[in-house]
Amino acid sequence: MAQHPTIRIHAAASDKPAVGAPCNGCGICCLAAPCPVSRLLLKHTENACPALVWQDDTRLYRCGMLQSPARYVRWLPGRLDGLFIGLVRRWLALNIGCDSDIEIEPDKASST
């Protein structure tokens, strides 16, 4: 039997939407593996993306590279933030719909 990786999801995070449904900021895709942008720019190849940010006020995960690019992509001149954000949103097809087919199983240890 194959062992599946374990990811830690904030207790207040929304359940993962169905594939094709609008993104709800659950963070599952970014917690499971870094996106192509993280792989290319942050050289991060496995596990949760280091730019994934939990927001207590909205109870959503957000991409830190889209919220404050200079924090993660230090070589990017601030005047190019808008262009960078637009390119990343397009590259990752954000706001198109959930494309993560990851299936989440509850943590058996925490349900006892």
PDB file of N, CA and C in Angstrom:
ATOM      1  N   MET A   1       0.845  -1.174   0.000  1.00  0.00           N
ATOM      2  CA  MET A   1       0.000   0.000   0.000  1.00  0.00           C
ATOM      3  C   MET A   1       0.891   1.239   0.000  1.00  0.00           C
ATOM      4  N   ALA A   2       0.650   2.167  -0.928  1.00  0.00           N
ATOM      5  CA  ALA A   2       1.460   3.384  -1.035  1.00  0.00           C
ATOM      6  C   ALA A   2       1.129   4.344   0.090  1.00  0.00           C
ATOM      7  N   GLN A   3       2.164   4.932   0.643  1.00  0.00           N
ATOM      8  CA  GLN A   3       1.961   5.913   1.696  1.00  0.00           C
ATOM      9  C   GLN A   3       1.842   7.281   1.052  1.00  0.00           C
ATOM     10  N   HIS A   4       0.846   8.032   1.478  1.00  0.00           N
ATOM     11  CA  HIS A   4       0.612   9.357   0.932  1.00  0.00           C
ATOM     12  C   HIS A   4       1.265  10.402   1.819  1.00  0.00           C
ATOM     13  N   PRO A   5       1.745  11.487   1.231  1.00  0.00           N
ATOM     14  CA  PRO A   5       2.369  12.530   2.043  1.00  0.00           C
ATOM     15  C   PRO A   5       1.343  13.198   2.953  1.00  0.00           C
ATOM     16  N   THR A   6       1.820  13.678   4.071  1.00  0.00           N
ATOM     17  CA  THR A   6       0.975  14.387   5.020  1.00  0.00           C
ATOM     18  C   THR A   6       1.226  15.878   4.875  1.00  0.00           C
ATOM     19  N   ILE A   7       0.157  16.639   4.806  1.00  0.00           N
ATOM     20  CA  ILE A   7       0.283  18.094   4.806  1.00  0.00           C
ATOM     21  C   ILE A   7      -0.480  18.626   6.004  1.00  0.00           C
ATOM     22  N   ARG A   8      -0.019  19.718   6.535  1.00  0.00           N
ATOM     23  CA  ARG A   8      -0.666  20.362   7.681  1.00  0.00           C
ATOM     24  C   ARG A   8      -1.493  21.531   7.180  1.00  0.00           C
ATOM     25  N   ILE A   9      -2.782  21.478   7.421  1.00  0.00           N
ATOM     26  CA  ILE A   9      -3.713  22.498   6.959  1.00  0.00           C
ATOM     27  C   ILE A   9      -4.224  23.264   8.179  1.00  0.00           C
ATOM     28  N   HIS A  10      -4.272  24.570   8.073  1.00  0.00           N
ATOM     29  CA  HIS A  10      -4.779  25.391   9.171  1.00  0.00           C
ATOM     30  C   HIS A  10      -6.195  24.923   9.520  1.00  0.00           C
ATOM     31  N   ALA A  11      -6.497  24.813  10.795  1.00  0.00           N
ATOM     32  CA  ALA A  11      -7.793  24.293  11.243  1.00  0.00           C
ATOM     33  C   ALA A  11      -8.963  25.130  10.734  1.00  0.00           C
ATOM     34  N   ALA A  12      -8.753  26.409  10.500  1.00  0.00           N
ATOM     35  CA  ALA A  12      -9.832  27.288  10.044  1.00  0.00           C
ATOM     36  C   ALA A  12      -9.942  27.357   8.524  1.00  0.00           C
ATOM     37  N   ALA A  13      -9.086  26.654   7.808  1.00  0.00           N
ATOM     38  CA  ALA A  13      -9.113  26.708   6.346  1.00  0.00           C
ATOM     39  C   ALA A  13     -10.377  26.048   5.802  1.00  0.00           C
ATOM     40  N   SER A  14     -10.818  26.543   4.668  1.00  0.00           N
ATOM     41  CA  SER A  14     -11.990  25.973   3.991  1.00  0.00           C
ATOM     42  C   SER A  14     -11.664  24.595   3.447  1.00  0.00           C
ATOM     43  N   ASP A  15     -12.691  23.801   3.255  1.00  0.00           N
ATOM     44  CA  ASP A  15     -12.514  22.517   2.588  1.00  0.00           C
ATOM     45  C   ASP A  15     -12.122  22.766   1.138  1.00  0.00           C
ATOM     46  N   LYS A  16     -11.394  21.828   0.555  1.00  0.00           N
ATOM     47  CA  LYS A  16     -10.972  21.954  -0.826  1.00  0.00           C
ATOM     48  C   LYS A  16     -12.196  21.934  -1.737  1.00  0.00           C
ATOM     49  N   PRO A  17     -12.256  22.868  -2.690  1.00  0.00           N
ATOM     50  CA  PRO A  17     -13.376  22.844  -3.630  1.00  0.00           C
ATOM     51  C   PRO A  17     -13.203  21.718  -4.650  1.00  0.00           C
ATOM     52  N   ALA A  18     -14.248  21.403  -5.331  1.00  0.00           N
ATOM     53  CA  ALA A  18     -14.182  20.399  -6.401  1.00  0.00           C
ATOM     54  C   ALA A  18     -13.344  20.948  -7.555  1.00  0.00           C
ATOM     55  N   VAL A  19     -12.739  20.065  -8.306  1.00  0.00           N
ATOM     56  CA  VAL A  19     -11.971  20.478  -9.482  1.00  0.00           C
ATOM     57  C   VAL A  19     -12.886  21.276 -10.402  1.00  0.00           C
ATOM     58  N   GLY A  20     -12.416  22.438 -10.832  1.00  0.00           N
ATOM     59  CA  GLY A  20     -13.184  23.313 -11.710  1.00  0.00           C
ATOM     60  C   GLY A  20     -13.984  24.369 -10.973  1.00  0.00           C
ATOM     61  N   ALA A  21     -14.242  24.147  -9.688  1.00  0.00           N
ATOM     62  CA  ALA A  21     -14.971  25.139  -8.890  1.00  0.00           C
ATOM     63  C   ALA A  21     -14.039  26.312  -8.590  1.00  0.00           C
ATOM     64  N   PRO A  22     -14.602  27.489  -8.297  1.00  0.00           N
ATOM     65  CA  PRO A  22     -13.751  28.637  -7.988  1.00  0.00           C
ATOM     66  C   PRO A  22     -12.830  28.370  -6.797  1.00  0.00           C
ATOM     67  N   CYS A  23     -11.639  28.926  -6.851  1.00  0.00           N
ATOM     68  CA  CYS A  23     -10.692  28.811  -5.742  1.00  0.00           C
ATOM     69  C   CYS A  23     -11.296  29.468  -4.508  1.00  0.00           C
ATOM     70  N   ASN A  24     -11.118  28.823  -3.368  1.00  0.00           N
ATOM     71  CA  ASN A  24     -11.620  29.394  -2.126  1.00  0.00           C
ATOM     72  C   ASN A  24     -10.499  29.663  -1.121  1.00  0.00           C
ATOM     73  N   GLY A  25      -9.252  29.601  -1.561  1.00  0.00           N
ATOM     74  CA  GLY A  25      -8.139  29.898  -0.666  1.00  0.00           C
ATOM     75  C   GLY A  25      -7.844  28.812   0.340  1.00  0.00           C
ATOM     76  N   CYS A  26      -8.221  27.569   0.037  1.00  0.00           N
ATOM     77  CA  CYS A  26      -7.989  26.466   0.981  1.00  0.00           C
ATOM     78  C   CYS A  26      -6.502  26.167   1.142  1.00  0.00           C
ATOM     79  N   GLY A  27      -5.693  26.443   0.111  1.00  0.00           N
ATOM     80  CA  GLY A  27      -4.247  26.270   0.188  1.00  0.00           C
ATOM     81  C   GLY A  27      -3.728  24.871  -0.063  1.00  0.00           C
ATOM     82  N   ILE A  28      -4.599  23.924  -0.299  1.00  0.00           N
ATOM     83  CA  ILE A  28      -4.172  22.526  -0.426  1.00  0.00           C
ATOM     84  C   ILE A  28      -3.146  22.340  -1.540  1.00  0.00           C
ATOM     85  N   CYS A  29      -3.381  22.955  -2.695  1.00  0.00           N
ATOM     86  CA  CYS A  29      -2.451  22.766  -3.813  1.00  0.00           C
ATOM     87  C   CYS A  29      -1.055  23.263  -3.450  1.00  0.00           C
ATOM     88  N   CYS A  30      -0.958  24.406  -2.801  1.00  0.00           N
ATOM     89  CA  CYS A  30       0.342  24.986  -2.449  1.00  0.00           C
ATOM     90  C   CYS A  30       0.978  24.314  -1.225  1.00  0.00           C
ATOM     91  N   LEU A  31       0.164  23.728  -0.374  1.00  0.00           N
ATOM     92  CA  LEU A  31       0.696  22.985   0.767  1.00  0.00           C
ATOM     93  C   LEU A  31       1.272  21.642   0.331  1.00  0.00           C
ATOM     94  N   ALA A  32       0.698  21.077  -0.722  1.00  0.00           N
ATOM     95  CA  ALA A  32       1.139  19.762  -1.185  1.00  0.00           C
ATOM     96  C   ALA A  32       2.404  19.832  -2.019  1.00  0.00           C
ATOM     97  N   ALA A  33       2.551  20.877  -2.814  1.00  0.00           N
ATOM     98  CA  ALA A  33       3.713  20.983  -3.704  1.00  0.00           C
ATOM     99  C   ALA A  33       3.846  22.411  -4.208  1.00  0.00           C
ATOM    100  N   PRO A  34       5.058  22.855  -4.450  1.00  0.00           N
ATOM    101  CA  PRO A  34       5.233  24.203  -4.974  1.00  0.00           C
ATOM    102  C   PRO A  34       4.780  24.284  -6.437  1.00  0.00           C
ATOM    103  N   CYS A  35       4.264  25.432  -6.798  1.00  0.00           N
ATOM    104  CA  CYS A  35       3.828  25.662  -8.175  1.00  0.00           C
ATOM    105  C   CYS A  35       5.047  25.914  -9.069  1.00  0.00           C
ATOM    106  N   PRO A  36       4.841  26.002 -10.372  1.00  0.00           N
ATOM    107  CA  PRO A  36       5.971  26.279 -11.272  1.00  0.00           C
ATOM    108  C   PRO A  36       6.685  27.590 -10.961  1.00  0.00           C
ATOM    109  N   VAL A  37       5.966  28.582 -10.500  1.00  0.00           N
ATOM    110  CA  VAL A  37       6.589  29.873 -10.162  1.00  0.00           C
ATOM    111  C   VAL A  37       7.529  29.700  -8.973  1.00  0.00           C
ATOM    112  N   SER A  38       7.096  28.994  -7.955  1.00  0.00           N
ATOM    113  CA  SER A  38       7.943  28.738  -6.784  1.00  0.00           C
ATOM    114  C   SER A  38       9.161  27.912  -7.176  1.00  0.00           C
ATOM    115  N   ARG A  39       8.953  26.927  -8.013  1.00  0.00           N
ATOM    116  CA  ARG A  39      10.068  26.081  -8.455  1.00  0.00           C
ATOM    117  C   ARG A  39      11.115  26.900  -9.207  1.00  0.00           C
ATOM    118  N   LEU A  40      10.644  27.769 -10.089  1.00  0.00           N
ATOM    119  CA  LEU A  40      11.556  28.562 -10.903  1.00  0.00           C
ATOM    120  C   LEU A  40      12.235  29.676 -10.111  1.00  0.00           C
ATOM    121  N   LEU A  41      11.455  30.467  -9.395  1.00  0.00           N
ATOM    122  CA  LEU A  41      11.996  31.657  -8.755  1.00  0.00           C
ATOM    123  C   LEU A  41      12.543  31.434  -7.351  1.00  0.00           C
ATOM    124  N   LEU A  42      11.960  30.489  -6.621  1.00  0.00           N
ATOM    125  CA  LEU A  42      12.417  30.235  -5.251  1.00  0.00           C
ATOM    126  C   LEU A  42      13.255  28.973  -5.150  1.00  0.00           C
ATOM    127  N   LYS A  43      13.351  28.235  -6.249  1.00  0.00           N
ATOM    128  CA  LYS A  43      14.124  26.985  -6.300  1.00  0.00           C
ATOM    129  C   LYS A  43      13.622  25.979  -5.272  1.00  0.00           C
ATOM    130  N   HIS A  44      12.328  25.990  -5.032  1.00  0.00           N
ATOM    131  CA  HIS A  44      11.707  25.098  -4.064  1.00  0.00           C
ATOM    132  C   HIS A  44      11.068  23.953  -4.835  1.00  0.00           C
ATOM    133  N   THR A  45      11.433  22.727  -4.541  1.00  0.00           N
ATOM    134  CA  THR A  45      10.986  21.615  -5.375  1.00  0.00           C
ATOM    135  C   THR A  45      10.024  20.626  -4.722  1.00  0.00           C
ATOM    136  N   GLU A  46       9.820  20.707  -3.423  1.00  0.00           N
ATOM    137  CA  GLU A  46       8.895  19.760  -2.793  1.00  0.00           C
ATOM    138  C   GLU A  46       8.308  20.350  -1.527  1.00  0.00           C
ATOM    139  N   ASN A  47       7.237  19.723  -1.059  1.00  0.00           N
ATOM    140  CA  ASN A  47       6.515  20.125   0.147  1.00  0.00           C
ATOM    141  C   ASN A  47       5.860  21.484  -0.029  1.00  0.00           C
ATOM    142  N   ALA A  48       5.413  22.063   1.051  1.00  0.00           N
ATOM    143  CA  ALA A  48       4.666  23.323   1.000  1.00  0.00           C
ATOM    144  C   ALA A  48       5.505  24.464   0.442  1.00  0.00           C
ATOM    145  N   CYS A  49       4.862  25.308  -0.314  1.00  0.00           N
ATOM    146  CA  CYS A  49       5.532  26.472  -0.892  1.00  0.00           C
ATOM    147  C   CYS A  49       5.916  27.441   0.230  1.00  0.00           C
ATOM    148  N   PRO A  50       7.156  27.915   0.236  1.00  0.00           N
ATOM    149  CA  PRO A  50       7.580  28.842   1.286  1.00  0.00           C
ATOM    150  C   PRO A  50       6.926  30.225   1.177  1.00  0.00           C
ATOM    151  N   ALA A  51       6.280  30.502   0.049  1.00  0.00           N
ATOM    152  CA  ALA A  51       5.620  31.800  -0.118  1.00  0.00           C
ATOM    153  C   ALA A  51       4.133  31.735   0.229  1.00  0.00           C
ATOM    154  N   LEU A  52       3.653  30.586   0.680  1.00  0.00           N
ATOM    155  CA  LEU A  52       2.248  30.466   1.049  1.00  0.00           C
ATOM    156  C   LEU A  52       2.020  31.154   2.390  1.00  0.00           C
ATOM    157  N   VAL A  53       1.028  32.024   2.430  1.00  0.00           N
ATOM    158  CA  VAL A  53       0.769  32.849   3.619  1.00  0.00           C
ATOM    159  C   VAL A  53      -0.653  32.595   4.108  1.00  0.00           C
ATOM    160  N   TRP A  54      -0.794  32.317   5.406  1.00  0.00           N
ATOM    161  CA  TRP A  54      -2.119  32.196   6.018  1.00  0.00           C
ATOM    162  C   TRP A  54      -2.535  33.566   6.521  1.00  0.00           C
ATOM    163  N   GLN A  55      -3.778  33.965   6.239  1.00  0.00           N
ATOM    164  CA  GLN A  55      -4.310  35.237   6.711  1.00  0.00           C
ATOM    165  C   GLN A  55      -5.391  34.966   7.746  1.00  0.00           C
ATOM    166  N   ASP A  56      -5.104  35.331   8.995  1.00  0.00           N
ATOM    167  CA  ASP A  56      -6.075  35.106  10.072  1.00  0.00           C
ATOM    168  C   ASP A  56      -7.369  35.881   9.852  1.00  0.00           C
ATOM    169  N   ASP A  57      -7.259  37.119   9.377  1.00  0.00           N
ATOM    170  CA  ASP A  57      -8.449  37.960   9.253  1.00  0.00           C
ATOM    171  C   ASP A  57      -9.446  37.446   8.212  1.00  0.00           C
ATOM    172  N   THR A  58      -8.956  36.886   7.119  1.00  0.00           N
ATOM    173  CA  THR A  58      -9.849  36.382   6.076  1.00  0.00           C
ATOM    174  C   THR A  58     -10.011  34.866   6.116  1.00  0.00           C
ATOM    175  N   ARG A  59      -9.170  34.206   6.911  1.00  0.00           N
ATOM    176  CA  ARG A  59      -9.170  32.744   7.013  1.00  0.00           C
ATOM    177  C   ARG A  59      -8.922  32.104   5.645  1.00  0.00           C
ATOM    178  N   LEU A  60      -7.918  32.648   4.947  1.00  0.00           N
ATOM    179  CA  LEU A  60      -7.555  32.158   3.623  1.00  0.00           C
ATOM    180  C   LEU A  60      -6.055  32.027   3.518  1.00  0.00           C
ATOM    181  N   TYR A  61      -5.625  31.089   2.679  1.00  0.00           N
ATOM    182  CA  TYR A  61      -4.227  31.039   2.272  1.00  0.00           C
ATOM    183  C   TYR A  61      -4.100  31.919   1.035  1.00  0.00           C
ATOM    184  N   ARG A  62      -2.988  32.621   0.941  1.00  0.00           N
ATOM    185  CA  ARG A  62      -2.718  33.461  -0.221  1.00  0.00           C
ATOM    186  C   ARG A  62      -1.264  33.295  -0.641  1.00  0.00           C
ATOM    187  N   CYS A  63      -1.004  33.585  -1.891  1.00  0.00           N
ATOM    188  CA  CYS A  63       0.355  33.513  -2.420  1.00  0.00           C
ATOM    189  C   CYS A  63       1.103  34.784  -2.043  1.00  0.00           C
ATOM    190  N   GLY A  64       2.149  34.624  -1.261  1.00  0.00           N
ATOM    191  CA  GLY A  64       2.947  35.771  -0.845  1.00  0.00           C
ATOM    192  C   GLY A  64       3.632  36.460  -2.009  1.00  0.00           C
ATOM    193  N   MET A  65       3.947  35.702  -3.055  1.00  0.00           N
ATOM    194  CA  MET A  65       4.596  36.317  -4.213  1.00  0.00           C
ATOM    195  C   MET A  65       3.630  37.234  -4.959  1.00  0.00           C
ATOM    196  N   LEU A  66       2.334  37.034  -4.780  1.00  0.00           N
ATOM    197  CA  LEU A  66       1.352  37.929  -5.391  1.00  0.00           C
ATOM    198  C   LEU A  66       0.993  39.083  -4.459  1.00  0.00           C
ATOM    199  N   GLN A  67       1.144  38.890  -3.170  1.00  0.00           N
ATOM    200  CA  GLN A  67       0.811  39.946  -2.218  1.00  0.00           C
ATOM    201  C   GLN A  67       1.963  40.918  -2.003  1.00  0.00           C
ATOM    202  N   SER A  68       3.151  40.412  -1.899  1.00  0.00           N
ATOM    203  CA  SER A  68       4.332  41.265  -1.703  1.00  0.00           C
ATOM    204  C   SER A  68       5.520  40.629  -2.416  1.00  0.00           C
ATOM    205  N   PRO A  69       5.565  40.785  -3.741  1.00  0.00           N
ATOM    206  CA  PRO A  69       6.594  40.125  -4.545  1.00  0.00           C
ATOM    207  C   PRO A  69       8.027  40.406  -4.074  1.00  0.00           C
ATOM    208  N   ALA A  70       8.312  41.617  -3.662  1.00  0.00           N
ATOM    209  CA  ALA A  70       9.690  41.972  -3.283  1.00  0.00           C
ATOM    210  C   ALA A  70      10.187  41.162  -2.093  1.00  0.00           C
ATOM    211  N   ARG A  71       9.290  40.672  -1.273  1.00  0.00           N
ATOM    212  CA  ARG A  71       9.700  39.876  -0.117  1.00  0.00           C
ATOM    213  C   ARG A  71      10.283  38.530  -0.548  1.00  0.00           C
ATOM    214  N   TYR A  72       9.788  37.999  -1.651  1.00  0.00           N
ATOM    215  CA  TYR A  72      10.201  36.679  -2.109  1.00  0.00           C
ATOM    216  C   TYR A  72      11.111  36.726  -3.334  1.00  0.00           C
ATOM    217  N   VAL A  73      10.905  37.702  -4.184  1.00  0.00           N
ATOM    218  CA  VAL A  73      11.701  37.853  -5.402  1.00  0.00           C
ATOM    219  C   VAL A  73      12.472  39.164  -5.245  1.00  0.00           C
ATOM    220  N   ARG A  74      13.541  39.087  -4.469  1.00  0.00           N
ATOM    221  CA  ARG A  74      14.263  40.293  -4.042  1.00  0.00           C
ATOM    222  C   ARG A  74      14.902  41.076  -5.184  1.00  0.00           C
ATOM    223  N   TRP A  75      15.189  40.422  -6.291  1.00  0.00           N
ATOM    224  CA  TRP A  75      15.826  41.114  -7.410  1.00  0.00           C
ATOM    225  C   TRP A  75      14.830  41.905  -8.256  1.00  0.00           C
ATOM    226  N   LEU A  76      13.546  41.724  -8.003  1.00  0.00           N
ATOM    227  CA  LEU A  76      12.513  42.388  -8.791  1.00  0.00           C
ATOM    228  C   LEU A  76      12.366  43.845  -8.367  1.00  0.00           C
ATOM    229  N   PRO A  77      12.582  44.788  -9.285  1.00  0.00           N
ATOM    230  CA  PRO A  77      12.369  46.204  -8.930  1.00  0.00           C
ATOM    231  C   PRO A  77      10.901  46.446  -8.578  1.00  0.00           C
ATOM    232  N   GLY A  78      10.660  47.214  -7.533  1.00  0.00           N
ATOM    233  CA  GLY A  78       9.302  47.477  -7.071  1.00  0.00           C
ATOM    234  C   GLY A  78       8.380  48.013  -8.139  1.00  0.00           C
ATOM    235  N   ARG A  79       8.917  48.775  -9.068  1.00  0.00           N
ATOM    236  CA  ARG A  79       8.075  49.353 -10.122  1.00  0.00           C
ATOM    237  C   ARG A  79       7.497  48.278 -11.059  1.00  0.00           C
ATOM    238  N   LEU A  80       8.046  47.061 -10.986  1.00  0.00           N
ATOM    239  CA  LEU A  80       7.562  45.967 -11.831  1.00  0.00           C
ATOM    240  C   LEU A  80       6.611  45.013 -11.100  1.00  0.00           C
ATOM    241  N   ASP A  81       6.257  45.333  -9.852  1.00  0.00           N
ATOM    242  CA  ASP A  81       5.360  44.460  -9.079  1.00  0.00           C
ATOM    243  C   ASP A  81       4.073  44.158  -9.836  1.00  0.00           C
ATOM    244  N   GLY A  82       3.435  45.180 -10.377  1.00  0.00           N
ATOM    245  CA  GLY A  82       2.164  44.989 -11.076  1.00  0.00           C
ATOM    246  C   GLY A  82       2.292  44.068 -12.271  1.00  0.00           C
ATOM    247  N   LEU A  83       3.322  44.270 -13.052  1.00  0.00           N
ATOM    248  CA  LEU A  83       3.580  43.412 -14.212  1.00  0.00           C
ATOM    249  C   LEU A  83       3.852  41.979 -13.770  1.00  0.00           C
ATOM    250  N   PHE A  84       4.692  41.822 -12.746  1.00  0.00           N
ATOM    251  CA  PHE A  84       5.018  40.498 -12.211  1.00  0.00           C
ATOM    252  C   PHE A  84       3.749  39.786 -11.739  1.00  0.00           C
ATOM    253  N   ILE A  85       2.928  40.480 -10.974  1.00  0.00           N
ATOM    254  CA  ILE A  85       1.696  39.882 -10.444  1.00  0.00           C
ATOM    255  C   ILE A  85       0.783  39.447 -11.584  1.00  0.00           C
ATOM    256  N   GLY A  86       0.641  40.284 -12.593  1.00  0.00           N
ATOM    257  CA  GLY A  86      -0.196  39.935 -13.735  1.00  0.00           C
ATOM    258  C   GLY A  86       0.313  38.706 -14.473  1.00  0.00           C
ATOM    259  N   LEU A  87       1.630  38.643 -14.672  1.00  0.00           N
ATOM    260  CA  LEU A  87       2.213  37.493 -15.367  1.00  0.00           C
ATOM    261  C   LEU A  87       2.046  36.204 -14.565  1.00  0.00           C
ATOM    262  N   VAL A  88       2.273  36.280 -13.263  1.00  0.00           N
ATOM    263  CA  VAL A  88       2.131  35.087 -12.424  1.00  0.00           C
ATOM    264  C   VAL A  88       0.680  34.627 -12.397  1.00  0.00           C
ATOM    265  N   ARG A  89      -0.253  35.560 -12.246  1.00  0.00           N
ATOM    266  CA  ARG A  89      -1.671  35.189 -12.233  1.00  0.00           C
ATOM    267  C   ARG A  89      -2.054  34.482 -13.535  1.00  0.00           C
ATOM    268  N   ARG A  90      -1.541  34.993 -14.635  1.00  0.00           N
ATOM    269  CA  ARG A  90      -1.854  34.376 -15.931  1.00  0.00           C
ATOM    270  C   ARG A  90      -1.172  33.012 -16.060  1.00  0.00           C
ATOM    271  N   TRP A  91       0.113  32.942 -15.676  1.00  0.00           N
ATOM    272  CA  TRP A  91       0.865  31.697 -15.796  1.00  0.00           C
ATOM    273  C   TRP A  91       0.212  30.572 -15.002  1.00  0.00           C
ATOM    274  N   LEU A  92      -0.264  30.914 -13.806  1.00  0.00           N
ATOM    275  CA  LEU A  92      -0.881  29.894 -12.948  1.00  0.00           C
ATOM    276  C   LEU A  92      -2.382  29.753 -13.196  1.00  0.00           C
ATOM    277  N   ALA A  93      -2.918  30.543 -14.123  1.00  0.00           N
ATOM    278  CA  ALA A  93      -4.348  30.511 -14.455  1.00  0.00           C
ATOM    279  C   ALA A  93      -5.206  30.727 -13.206  1.00  0.00           C
ATOM    280  N   LEU A  94      -4.803  31.682 -12.393  1.00  0.00           N
ATOM    281  CA  LEU A  94      -5.559  31.969 -11.176  1.00  0.00           C
ATOM    282  C   LEU A  94      -6.925  32.533 -11.530  1.00  0.00           C
ATOM    283  N   ASN A  95      -7.882  32.263 -10.698  1.00  0.00           N
ATOM    284  CA  ASN A  95      -9.285  32.659 -10.878  1.00  0.00           C
ATOM    285  C   ASN A  95      -9.965  31.923 -12.032  1.00  0.00           C
ATOM    286  N   ILE A  96      -9.348  30.868 -12.543  1.00  0.00           N
ATOM    287  CA  ILE A  96      -9.972  30.054 -13.581  1.00  0.00           C
ATOM    288  C   ILE A  96     -10.771  28.932 -12.921  1.00  0.00           C
ATOM    289  N   GLY A  97     -10.291  28.425 -11.830  1.00  0.00           N
ATOM    290  CA  GLY A  97     -10.960  27.352 -11.108  1.00  0.00           C
ATOM    291  C   GLY A  97      -9.937  26.393 -10.523  1.00  0.00           C
ATOM    292  N   CYS A  98     -10.345  25.645  -9.550  1.00  0.00           N
ATOM    293  CA  CYS A  98      -9.460  24.691  -8.887  1.00  0.00           C
ATOM    294  C   CYS A  98      -9.010  23.631  -9.888  1.00  0.00           C
ATOM    295  N   ASP A  99      -7.690  23.433  -9.960  1.00  0.00           N
ATOM    296  CA  ASP A  99      -7.176  22.384 -10.848  1.00  0.00           C
ATOM    297  C   ASP A  99      -6.451  21.300 -10.068  1.00  0.00           C
ATOM    298  N   SER A 100      -6.628  21.298  -8.756  1.00  0.00           N
ATOM    299  CA  SER A 100      -5.975  20.305  -7.909  1.00  0.00           C
ATOM    300  C   SER A 100      -6.883  19.096  -7.722  1.00  0.00           C
ATOM    301  N   ASP A 101      -6.364  17.929  -8.108  1.00  0.00           N
ATOM    302  CA  ASP A 101      -7.144  16.706  -7.922  1.00  0.00           C
ATOM    303  C   ASP A 101      -6.713  15.933  -6.674  1.00  0.00           C
ATOM    304  N   ILE A 102      -6.033  16.620  -5.771  1.00  0.00           N
ATOM    305  CA  ILE A 102      -5.586  16.010  -4.517  1.00  0.00           C
ATOM    306  C   ILE A 102      -6.806  15.629  -3.687  1.00  0.00           C
ATOM    307  N   GLU A 103      -6.774  14.442  -3.138  1.00  0.00           N
ATOM    308  CA  GLU A 103      -7.848  13.996  -2.256  1.00  0.00           C
ATOM    309  C   GLU A 103      -7.339  14.055  -0.821  1.00  0.00           C
ATOM    310  N   ILE A 104      -8.104  14.689   0.032  1.00  0.00           N
ATOM    311  CA  ILE A 104      -7.707  14.901   1.427  1.00  0.00           C
ATOM    312  C   ILE A 104      -8.395  13.877   2.316  1.00  0.00           C
ATOM    313  N   GLU A 105      -7.590  13.257   3.165  1.00  0.00           N
ATOM    314  CA  GLU A 105      -8.121  12.342   4.165  1.00  0.00           C
ATOM    315  C   GLU A 105      -7.879  12.959   5.528  1.00  0.00           C
ATOM    316  N   PRO A 106      -8.857  12.930   6.408  1.00  0.00           N
ATOM    317  CA  PRO A 106      -8.673  13.500   7.749  1.00  0.00           C
ATOM    318  C   PRO A 106      -7.545  12.790   8.487  1.00  0.00           C
ATOM    319  N   ASP A 107      -6.883  13.529   9.345  1.00  0.00           N
ATOM    320  CA  ASP A 107      -5.821  12.979  10.179  1.00  0.00           C
ATOM    321  C   ASP A 107      -6.462  12.051  11.207  1.00  0.00           C
ATOM    322  N   LYS A 108      -6.143  10.800  11.099  1.00  0.00           N
ATOM    323  CA  LYS A 108      -6.738   9.804  11.995  1.00  0.00           C
ATOM    324  C   LYS A 108      -6.342  10.051  13.450  1.00  0.00           C
ATOM    325  N   ALA A 109      -5.147  10.544  13.684  1.00  0.00           N
ATOM    326  CA  ALA A 109      -4.673  10.767  15.054  1.00  0.00           C
ATOM    327  C   ALA A 109      -5.474  11.868  15.743  1.00  0.00           C
ATOM    328  N   SER A 110      -5.879  12.903  14.991  1.00  0.00           N
ATOM    329  CA  SER A 110      -6.585  14.024  15.615  1.00  0.00           C
ATOM    330  C   SER A 110      -8.062  13.757  15.769  1.00  0.00           C
ATOM    331  N   SER A 111      -8.577  12.709  15.158  1.00  0.00           N
ATOM    332  CA  SER A 111     -10.019  12.439  15.235  1.00  0.00           C
ATOM    333  C   SER A 111     -10.351  11.449  16.338  1.00  0.00           C
ATOM    334  N   THR A 112      -9.362  11.067  17.144  1.00  0.00           N
ATOM    335  CA  THR A 112      -9.643  10.113  18.213  1.00  0.00           C
ATOM    336  C   THR A 112      -9.823  10.816  19.532  1.00  0.00           C
TER     337      THR A 112
END
